[in-house]
Amino acid sequence: MEAKAKEQFKLKFYALTILLNVIILLAALVVIALFLAPVPFKYYLPPALLAIDLVMIYIFIKKYHETKQWLDQHQEPGKQNT
């Protein structure tokens, strides 16, 4: 893999890592909001956070498959990705 392609992959990997951390954080916030949110917010905050989390999961899966396809296209000839 060329140096430019390695740098691009590094940036793509960092973006996926940050997105995955946001997803995990939002999932934790959903659970915390279920137990600690004041009563008026208890009915609206967890579903809203869950909806945002599901959208982020969809984006993550889409970007993961795009990055995997990009990596398959930029791998060195003669090496197979297992």
PDB file of N, CA and C in Angstrom:
ATOM      1  N   MET A   1       0.850  -1.171   0.000  1.00  0.00           N
ATOM      2  CA  MET A   1       0.000   0.000   0.000  1.00  0.00           C
ATOM      3  C   MET A   1       0.897   1.234   0.000  1.00  0.00           C
ATOM      4  N   GLU A   2       0.558   2.188  -0.798  1.00  0.00           N
ATOM      5  CA  GLU A   2       1.337   3.414  -0.909  1.00  0.00           C
ATOM      6  C   GLU A   2       1.189   4.257   0.351  1.00  0.00           C
ATOM      7  N   ALA A   3       2.114   5.177   0.538  1.00  0.00           N
ATOM      8  CA  ALA A   3       2.112   6.023   1.730  1.00  0.00           C
ATOM      9  C   ALA A   3       0.849   6.893   1.784  1.00  0.00           C
ATOM     10  N   LYS A   4       0.432   7.407   0.622  1.00  0.00           N
ATOM     11  CA  LYS A   4      -0.763   8.246   0.588  1.00  0.00           C
ATOM     12  C   LYS A   4      -1.995   7.427   0.956  1.00  0.00           C
ATOM     13  N   ALA A   5      -2.078   6.203   0.472  1.00  0.00           N
ATOM     14  CA  ALA A   5      -3.213   5.338   0.789  1.00  0.00           C
ATOM     15  C   ALA A   5      -3.199   4.950   2.263  1.00  0.00           C
ATOM     16  N   LYS A   6      -2.020   4.740   2.831  1.00  0.00           N
ATOM     17  CA  LYS A   6      -1.924   4.428   4.263  1.00  0.00           C
ATOM     18  C   LYS A   6      -2.420   5.593   5.103  1.00  0.00           C
ATOM     19  N   GLU A   7      -2.067   6.804   4.701  1.00  0.00           N
ATOM     20  CA  GLU A   7      -2.510   7.985   5.439  1.00  0.00           C
ATOM     21  C   GLU A   7      -4.034   8.140   5.345  1.00  0.00           C
ATOM     22  N   GLN A   8      -4.583   7.896   4.172  1.00  0.00           N
ATOM     23  CA  GLN A   8      -6.036   7.958   4.006  1.00  0.00           C
ATOM     24  C   GLN A   8      -6.720   6.905   4.869  1.00  0.00           C
ATOM     25  N   PHE A   9      -6.154   5.696   4.899  1.00  0.00           N
ATOM     26  CA  PHE A   9      -6.743   4.642   5.713  1.00  0.00           C
ATOM     27  C   PHE A   9      -6.683   4.997   7.197  1.00  0.00           C
ATOM     28  N   LYS A  10      -5.576   5.607   7.609  1.00  0.00           N
ATOM     29  CA  LYS A  10      -5.446   6.001   9.005  1.00  0.00           C
ATOM     30  C   LYS A  10      -6.554   6.990   9.388  1.00  0.00           C
ATOM     31  N   LEU A  11      -6.823   7.956   8.524  1.00  0.00           N
ATOM     32  CA  LEU A  11      -7.873   8.934   8.795  1.00  0.00           C
ATOM     33  C   LEU A  11      -9.256   8.273   8.809  1.00  0.00           C
ATOM     34  N   LYS A  12      -9.492   7.356   7.876  1.00  0.00           N
ATOM     35  CA  LYS A  12     -10.768   6.645   7.846  1.00  0.00           C
ATOM     36  C   LYS A  12     -10.940   5.809   9.109  1.00  0.00           C
ATOM     37  N   PHE A  13      -9.868   5.166   9.554  1.00  0.00           N
ATOM     38  CA  PHE A  13      -9.924   4.351  10.757  1.00  0.00           C
ATOM     39  C   PHE A  13     -10.209   5.215  11.986  1.00  0.00           C
ATOM     40  N   TYR A  14      -9.542   6.365  12.088  1.00  0.00           N
ATOM     41  CA  TYR A  14      -9.789   7.270  13.205  1.00  0.00           C
ATOM     42  C   TYR A  14     -11.241   7.739  13.226  1.00  0.00           C
ATOM     43  N   ALA A  15     -11.781   8.069  12.068  1.00  0.00           N
ATOM     44  CA  ALA A  15     -13.171   8.518  11.996  1.00  0.00           C
ATOM     45  C   ALA A  15     -14.123   7.417  12.454  1.00  0.00           C
ATOM     46  N   LEU A  16     -13.865   6.184  12.023  1.00  0.00           N
ATOM     47  CA  LEU A  16     -14.714   5.068  12.454  1.00  0.00           C
ATOM     48  C   LEU A  16     -14.588   4.827  13.954  1.00  0.00           C
ATOM     49  N   THR A  17     -13.402   4.967  14.484  1.00  0.00           N
ATOM     50  CA  THR A  17     -13.194   4.771  15.912  1.00  0.00           C
ATOM     51  C   THR A  17     -13.945   5.812  16.731  1.00  0.00           C
ATOM     52  N   ILE A  18     -13.868   7.054  16.317  1.00  0.00           N
ATOM     53  CA  ILE A  18     -14.582   8.119  17.027  1.00  0.00           C
ATOM     54  C   ILE A  18     -16.084   7.900  16.936  1.00  0.00           C
ATOM     55  N   LEU A  19     -16.576   7.515  15.773  1.00  0.00           N
ATOM     56  CA  LEU A  19     -18.000   7.264  15.596  1.00  0.00           C
ATOM     57  C   LEU A  19     -18.465   6.116  16.488  1.00  0.00           C
ATOM     58  N   LEU A  20     -17.670   5.063  16.592  1.00  0.00           N
ATOM     59  CA  LEU A  20     -18.017   3.940  17.451  1.00  0.00           C
ATOM     60  C   LEU A  20     -18.039   4.359  18.918  1.00  0.00           C
ATOM     61  N   ASN A  21     -17.107   5.208  19.323  1.00  0.00           N
ATOM     62  CA  ASN A  21     -17.107   5.708  20.701  1.00  0.00           C
ATOM     63  C   ASN A  21     -18.346   6.552  20.993  1.00  0.00           C
ATOM     64  N   VAL A  22     -18.780   7.344  20.039  1.00  0.00           N
ATOM     65  CA  VAL A  22     -20.000   8.144  20.208  1.00  0.00           C
ATOM     66  C   VAL A  22     -21.210   7.221  20.353  1.00  0.00           C
ATOM     67  N   ILE A  23     -21.256   6.158  19.579  1.00  0.00           N
ATOM     68  CA  ILE A  23     -22.361   5.198  19.662  1.00  0.00           C
ATOM     69  C   ILE A  23     -22.414   4.563  21.045  1.00  0.00           C
ATOM     70  N   ILE A  24     -21.268   4.157  21.555  1.00  0.00           N
ATOM     71  CA  ILE A  24     -21.221   3.539  22.888  1.00  0.00           C
ATOM     72  C   ILE A  24     -21.623   4.544  23.959  1.00  0.00           C
ATOM     73  N   LEU A  25     -21.160   5.775  23.838  1.00  0.00           N
ATOM     74  CA  LEU A  25     -21.517   6.821  24.788  1.00  0.00           C
ATOM     75  C   LEU A  25     -23.022   7.086  24.777  1.00  0.00           C
ATOM     76  N   LEU A  26     -23.609   7.164  23.598  1.00  0.00           N
ATOM     77  CA  LEU A  26     -25.052   7.391  23.509  1.00  0.00           C
ATOM     78  C   LEU A  26     -25.842   6.235  24.115  1.00  0.00           C
ATOM     79  N   ALA A  27     -25.392   5.004  23.906  1.00  0.00           N
ATOM     80  CA  ALA A  27     -26.071   3.854  24.500  1.00  0.00           C
ATOM     81  C   ALA A  27     -26.018   3.934  26.025  1.00  0.00           C
ATOM     82  N   ALA A  28     -24.879   4.346  26.564  1.00  0.00           N
ATOM     83  CA  ALA A  28     -24.764   4.501  28.010  1.00  0.00           C
ATOM     84  C   ALA A  28     -25.662   5.627  28.508  1.00  0.00           C
ATOM     85  N   LEU A  29     -25.751   6.712  27.746  1.00  0.00           N
ATOM     86  CA  LEU A  29     -26.625   7.819  28.138  1.00  0.00           C
ATOM     87  C   LEU A  29     -28.093   7.427  28.129  1.00  0.00           C
ATOM     88  N   VAL A  30     -28.485   6.535  27.225  1.00  0.00           N
ATOM     89  CA  VAL A  30     -29.868   6.049  27.206  1.00  0.00           C
ATOM     90  C   VAL A  30     -30.179   5.345  28.513  1.00  0.00           C
ATOM     91  N   VAL A  31     -29.294   4.460  28.944  1.00  0.00           N
ATOM     92  CA  VAL A  31     -29.514   3.720  30.192  1.00  0.00           C
ATOM     93  C   VAL A  31     -29.517   4.663  31.387  1.00  0.00           C
ATOM     94  N   ILE A  32     -28.578   5.592  31.431  1.00  0.00           N
ATOM     95  CA  ILE A  32     -28.523   6.551  32.537  1.00  0.00           C
ATOM     96  C   ILE A  32     -29.775   7.417  32.563  1.00  0.00           C
ATOM     97  N   ALA A  33     -30.242   7.849  31.401  1.00  0.00           N
ATOM     98  CA  ALA A  33     -31.433   8.701  31.333  1.00  0.00           C
ATOM     99  C   ALA A  33     -32.675   7.950  31.796  1.00  0.00           C
ATOM    100  N   LEU A  34     -32.720   6.650  31.554  1.00  0.00           N
ATOM    101  CA  LEU A  34     -33.873   5.866  32.017  1.00  0.00           C
ATOM    102  C   LEU A  34     -34.012   5.895  33.536  1.00  0.00           C
ATOM    103  N   PHE A  35     -32.882   5.918  34.240  1.00  0.00           N
ATOM    104  CA  PHE A  35     -32.926   5.841  35.691  1.00  0.00           C
ATOM    105  C   PHE A  35     -32.776   7.190  36.389  1.00  0.00           C
ATOM    106  N   LEU A  36     -32.055   8.117  35.813  1.00  0.00           N
ATOM    107  CA  LEU A  36     -31.734   9.347  36.527  1.00  0.00           C
ATOM    108  C   LEU A  36     -32.413  10.606  35.995  1.00  0.00           C
ATOM    109  N   ALA A  37     -33.055  10.534  34.866  1.00  0.00           N
ATOM    110  CA  ALA A  37     -33.694  11.735  34.315  1.00  0.00           C
ATOM    111  C   ALA A  37     -34.911  12.111  35.160  1.00  0.00           C
ATOM    112  N   PRO A  38     -35.148  13.408  35.329  1.00  0.00           N
ATOM    113  CA  PRO A  38     -36.365  13.830  36.042  1.00  0.00           C
ATOM    114  C   PRO A  38     -37.604  13.347  35.291  1.00  0.00           C
ATOM    115  N   VAL A  39     -38.700  13.218  36.023  1.00  0.00           N
ATOM    116  CA  VAL A  39     -39.920  12.624  35.465  1.00  0.00           C
ATOM    117  C   VAL A  39     -40.382  13.273  34.159  1.00  0.00           C
ATOM    118  N   PRO A  40     -40.419  14.592  34.025  1.00  0.00           N
ATOM    119  CA  PRO A  40     -40.899  15.128  32.743  1.00  0.00           C
ATOM    120  C   PRO A  40     -40.020  14.723  31.548  1.00  0.00           C
ATOM    121  N   PHE A  41     -38.722  14.553  31.789  1.00  0.00           N
ATOM    122  CA  PHE A  41     -37.807  14.200  30.704  1.00  0.00           C
ATOM    123  C   PHE A  41     -37.643  12.701  30.524  1.00  0.00           C
ATOM    124  N   LYS A  42     -38.072  11.921  31.503  1.00  0.00           N
ATOM    125  CA  LYS A  42     -37.861  10.476  31.472  1.00  0.00           C
ATOM    126  C   LYS A  42     -38.580   9.819  30.296  1.00  0.00           C
ATOM    127  N   TYR A  43     -39.650  10.440  29.833  1.00  0.00           N
ATOM    128  CA  TYR A  43     -40.428   9.851  28.752  1.00  0.00           C
ATOM    129  C   TYR A  43     -39.970  10.308  27.371  1.00  0.00           C
ATOM    130  N   TYR A  44     -39.205  11.374  27.309  1.00  0.00           N
ATOM    131  CA  TYR A  44     -38.788  11.915  26.017  1.00  0.00           C
ATOM    132  C   TYR A  44     -37.292  11.769  25.741  1.00  0.00           C
ATOM    133  N   LEU A  45     -36.475  11.889  26.768  1.00  0.00           N
ATOM    134  CA  LEU A  45     -35.034  11.871  26.573  1.00  0.00           C
ATOM    135  C   LEU A  45     -34.486  10.509  26.134  1.00  0.00           C
ATOM    136  N   PRO A  46     -34.821   9.410  26.822  1.00  0.00           N
ATOM    137  CA  PRO A  46     -34.271   8.118  26.369  1.00  0.00           C
ATOM    138  C   PRO A  46     -34.664   7.727  24.941  1.00  0.00           C
ATOM    139  N   PRO A  47     -35.938   7.884  24.536  1.00  0.00           N
ATOM    140  CA  PRO A  47     -36.248   7.552  23.133  1.00  0.00           C
ATOM    141  C   PRO A  47     -35.535   8.463  22.125  1.00  0.00           C
ATOM    142  N   ALA A  48     -35.370   9.728  22.473  1.00  0.00           N
ATOM    143  CA  ALA A  48     -34.667  10.644  21.577  1.00  0.00           C
ATOM    144  C   ALA A  48     -33.197  10.235  21.448  1.00  0.00           C
ATOM    145  N   LEU A  49     -32.555   9.921  22.573  1.00  0.00           N
ATOM    146  CA  LEU A  49     -31.165   9.478  22.529  1.00  0.00           C
ATOM    147  C   LEU A  49     -31.032   8.155  21.784  1.00  0.00           C
ATOM    148  N   LEU A  50     -31.999   7.274  21.971  1.00  0.00           N
ATOM    149  CA  LEU A  50     -31.975   5.987  21.275  1.00  0.00           C
ATOM    150  C   LEU A  50     -32.120   6.181  19.763  1.00  0.00           C
ATOM    151  N   ALA A  51     -32.977   7.103  19.361  1.00  0.00           N
ATOM    152  CA  ALA A  51     -33.160   7.383  17.938  1.00  0.00           C
ATOM    153  C   ALA A  51     -31.867   7.934  17.329  1.00  0.00           C
ATOM    154  N   ILE A  52     -31.220   8.838  18.040  1.00  0.00           N
ATOM    155  CA  ILE A  52     -29.946   9.384  17.564  1.00  0.00           C
ATOM    156  C   ILE A  52     -28.909   8.271  17.479  1.00  0.00           C
ATOM    157  N   ASP A  53     -28.895   7.385  18.478  1.00  0.00           N
ATOM    158  CA  ASP A  53     -27.952   6.272  18.497  1.00  0.00           C
ATOM    159  C   ASP A  53     -28.183   5.335  17.312  1.00  0.00           C
ATOM    160  N   LEU A  54     -29.418   5.049  16.993  1.00  0.00           N
ATOM    161  CA  LEU A  54     -29.719   4.172  15.858  1.00  0.00           C
ATOM    162  C   LEU A  54     -29.283   4.793  14.533  1.00  0.00           C
ATOM    163  N   VAL A  55     -29.457   6.091  14.403  1.00  0.00           N
ATOM    164  CA  VAL A  55     -28.990   6.786  13.201  1.00  0.00           C
ATOM    165  C   VAL A  55     -27.470   6.709  13.106  1.00  0.00           C
ATOM    166  N   MET A  56     -26.789   6.895  14.236  1.00  0.00           N
ATOM    167  CA  MET A  56     -25.326   6.806  14.243  1.00  0.00           C
ATOM    168  C   MET A  56     -24.857   5.388  13.915  1.00  0.00           C
ATOM    169  N   ILE A  57     -25.580   4.385  14.393  1.00  0.00           N
ATOM    170  CA  ILE A  57     -25.235   3.000  14.067  1.00  0.00           C
ATOM    171  C   ILE A  57     -25.366   2.763  12.566  1.00  0.00           C
ATOM    172  N   TYR A  58     -26.430   3.274  11.963  1.00  0.00           N
ATOM    173  CA  TYR A  58     -26.620   3.139  10.520  1.00  0.00           C
ATOM    174  C   TYR A  58     -25.467   3.800   9.756  1.00  0.00           C
ATOM    175  N   ILE A  59     -25.092   5.005  10.187  1.00  0.00           N
ATOM    176  CA  ILE A  59     -23.993   5.720   9.535  1.00  0.00           C
ATOM    177  C   ILE A  59     -22.692   4.943   9.701  1.00  0.00           C
ATOM    178  N   PHE A  60     -22.463   4.392  10.905  1.00  0.00           N
ATOM    179  CA  PHE A  60     -21.242   3.632  11.154  1.00  0.00           C
ATOM    180  C   PHE A  60     -21.166   2.411  10.241  1.00  0.00           C
ATOM    181  N   ILE A  61     -22.253   1.663  10.138  1.00  0.00           N
ATOM    182  CA  ILE A  61     -22.247   0.461   9.304  1.00  0.00           C
ATOM    183  C   ILE A  61     -21.989   0.825   7.839  1.00  0.00           C
ATOM    184  N   LYS A  62     -22.629   1.892   7.383  1.00  0.00           N
ATOM    185  CA  LYS A  62     -22.438   2.339   6.004  1.00  0.00           C
ATOM    186  C   LYS A  62     -20.978   2.735   5.760  1.00  0.00           C
ATOM    187  N   LYS A  63     -20.398   3.535   6.666  1.00  0.00           N
ATOM    188  CA  LYS A  63     -19.007   3.969   6.512  1.00  0.00           C
ATOM    189  C   LYS A  63     -18.045   2.785   6.649  1.00  0.00           C
ATOM    190  N   TYR A  64     -18.369   1.825   7.524  1.00  0.00           N
ATOM    191  CA  TYR A  64     -17.512   0.652   7.693  1.00  0.00           C
ATOM    192  C   TYR A  64     -17.423  -0.132   6.389  1.00  0.00           C
ATOM    193  N   HIS A  65     -18.567  -0.360   5.746  1.00  0.00           N
ATOM    194  CA  HIS A  65     -18.562  -1.104   4.491  1.00  0.00           C
ATOM    195  C   HIS A  65     -17.854  -0.331   3.384  1.00  0.00           C
ATOM    196  N   GLU A  66     -18.022   0.987   3.353  1.00  0.00           N
ATOM    197  CA  GLU A  66     -17.300   1.802   2.365  1.00  0.00           C
ATOM    198  C   GLU A  66     -15.790   1.713   2.587  1.00  0.00           C
ATOM    199  N   THR A  67     -15.363   1.777   3.846  1.00  0.00           N
ATOM    200  CA  THR A  67     -13.941   1.709   4.153  1.00  0.00           C
ATOM    201  C   THR A  67     -13.385   0.331   3.830  1.00  0.00           C
ATOM    202  N   LYS A  68     -14.135  -0.708   4.123  1.00  0.00           N
ATOM    203  CA  LYS A  68     -13.694  -2.068   3.811  1.00  0.00           C
ATOM    204  C   LYS A  68     -13.551  -2.249   2.300  1.00  0.00           C
ATOM    205  N   GLN A  69     -14.499  -1.730   1.538  1.00  0.00           N
ATOM    206  CA  GLN A  69     -14.417  -1.813   0.083  1.00  0.00           C
ATOM    207  C   GLN A  69     -13.213  -1.011  -0.424  1.00  0.00           C
ATOM    208  N   TRP A  70     -12.990   0.171   0.124  1.00  0.00           N
ATOM    209  CA  TRP A  70     -11.847   0.993  -0.263  1.00  0.00           C
ATOM    210  C   TRP A  70     -10.547   0.258   0.041  1.00  0.00           C
ATOM    211  N   LEU A  71     -10.474  -0.376   1.209  1.00  0.00           N
ATOM    212  CA  LEU A  71      -9.275  -1.101   1.593  1.00  0.00           C
ATOM    213  C   LEU A  71      -9.025  -2.285   0.672  1.00  0.00           C
ATOM    214  N   ASP A  72     -10.081  -2.982   0.273  1.00  0.00           N
ATOM    215  CA  ASP A  72      -9.925  -4.089  -0.670  1.00  0.00           C
ATOM    216  C   ASP A  72      -9.388  -3.614  -2.013  1.00  0.00           C
ATOM    217  N   GLN A  73      -9.784  -2.433  -2.425  1.00  0.00           N
ATOM    218  CA  GLN A  73      -9.315  -1.888  -3.701  1.00  0.00           C
ATOM    219  C   GLN A  73      -7.864  -1.421  -3.629  1.00  0.00           C
ATOM    220  N   HIS A  74      -7.402  -1.035  -2.438  1.00  0.00           N
ATOM    221  CA  HIS A  74      -6.062  -0.471  -2.298  1.00  0.00           C
ATOM    222  C   HIS A  74      -5.057  -1.422  -1.660  1.00  0.00           C
ATOM    223  N   GLN A  75      -5.402  -2.689  -1.553  1.00  0.00           N
ATOM    224  CA  GLN A  75      -4.433  -3.620  -0.990  1.00  0.00           C
ATOM    225  C   GLN A  75      -3.364  -3.961  -2.024  1.00  0.00           C
ATOM    226  N   GLU A  76      -2.245  -4.421  -1.526  1.00  0.00           N
ATOM    227  CA  GLU A  76      -1.125  -4.746  -2.406  1.00  0.00           C
ATOM    228  C   GLU A  76      -1.457  -5.954  -3.255  1.00  0.00           C
ATOM    229  N   PRO A  77      -1.020  -5.961  -4.518  1.00  0.00           N
ATOM    230  CA  PRO A  77      -1.268  -7.126  -5.368  1.00  0.00           C
ATOM    231  C   PRO A  77      -0.589  -8.359  -4.787  1.00  0.00           C
ATOM    232  N   GLY A  78      -1.286  -9.477  -4.848  1.00  0.00           N
ATOM    233  CA  GLY A  78      -0.754 -10.740  -4.353  1.00  0.00           C
ATOM    234  C   GLY A  78      -1.091 -11.001  -2.904  1.00  0.00           C
ATOM    235  N   LYS A  79      -1.579  -9.999  -2.171  1.00  0.00           N
ATOM    236  CA  LYS A  79      -1.981 -10.212  -0.778  1.00  0.00           C
ATOM    237  C   LYS A  79      -3.490 -10.266  -0.708  1.00  0.00           C
ATOM    238  N   GLN A  80      -3.996 -11.218   0.041  1.00  0.00           N
ATOM    239  CA  GLN A  80      -5.441 -11.359   0.185  1.00  0.00           C
ATOM    240  C   GLN A  80      -5.849 -10.923   1.572  1.00  0.00           C
ATOM    241  N   ASN A  81      -6.997 -10.283   1.673  1.00  0.00           N
ATOM    242  CA  ASN A  81      -7.536  -9.844   2.948  1.00  0.00           C
ATOM    243  C   ASN A  81      -8.388 -10.956   3.522  1.00  0.00           C
ATOM    244  N   THR A  82      -7.987 -11.524   4.656  1.00  0.00           N
ATOM    245  CA  THR A  82      -8.758 -12.633   5.251  1.00  0.00           C
ATOM    246  C   THR A  82      -9.588 -12.179   6.385  1.00  0.00           C
TER     247      THR A  82
END
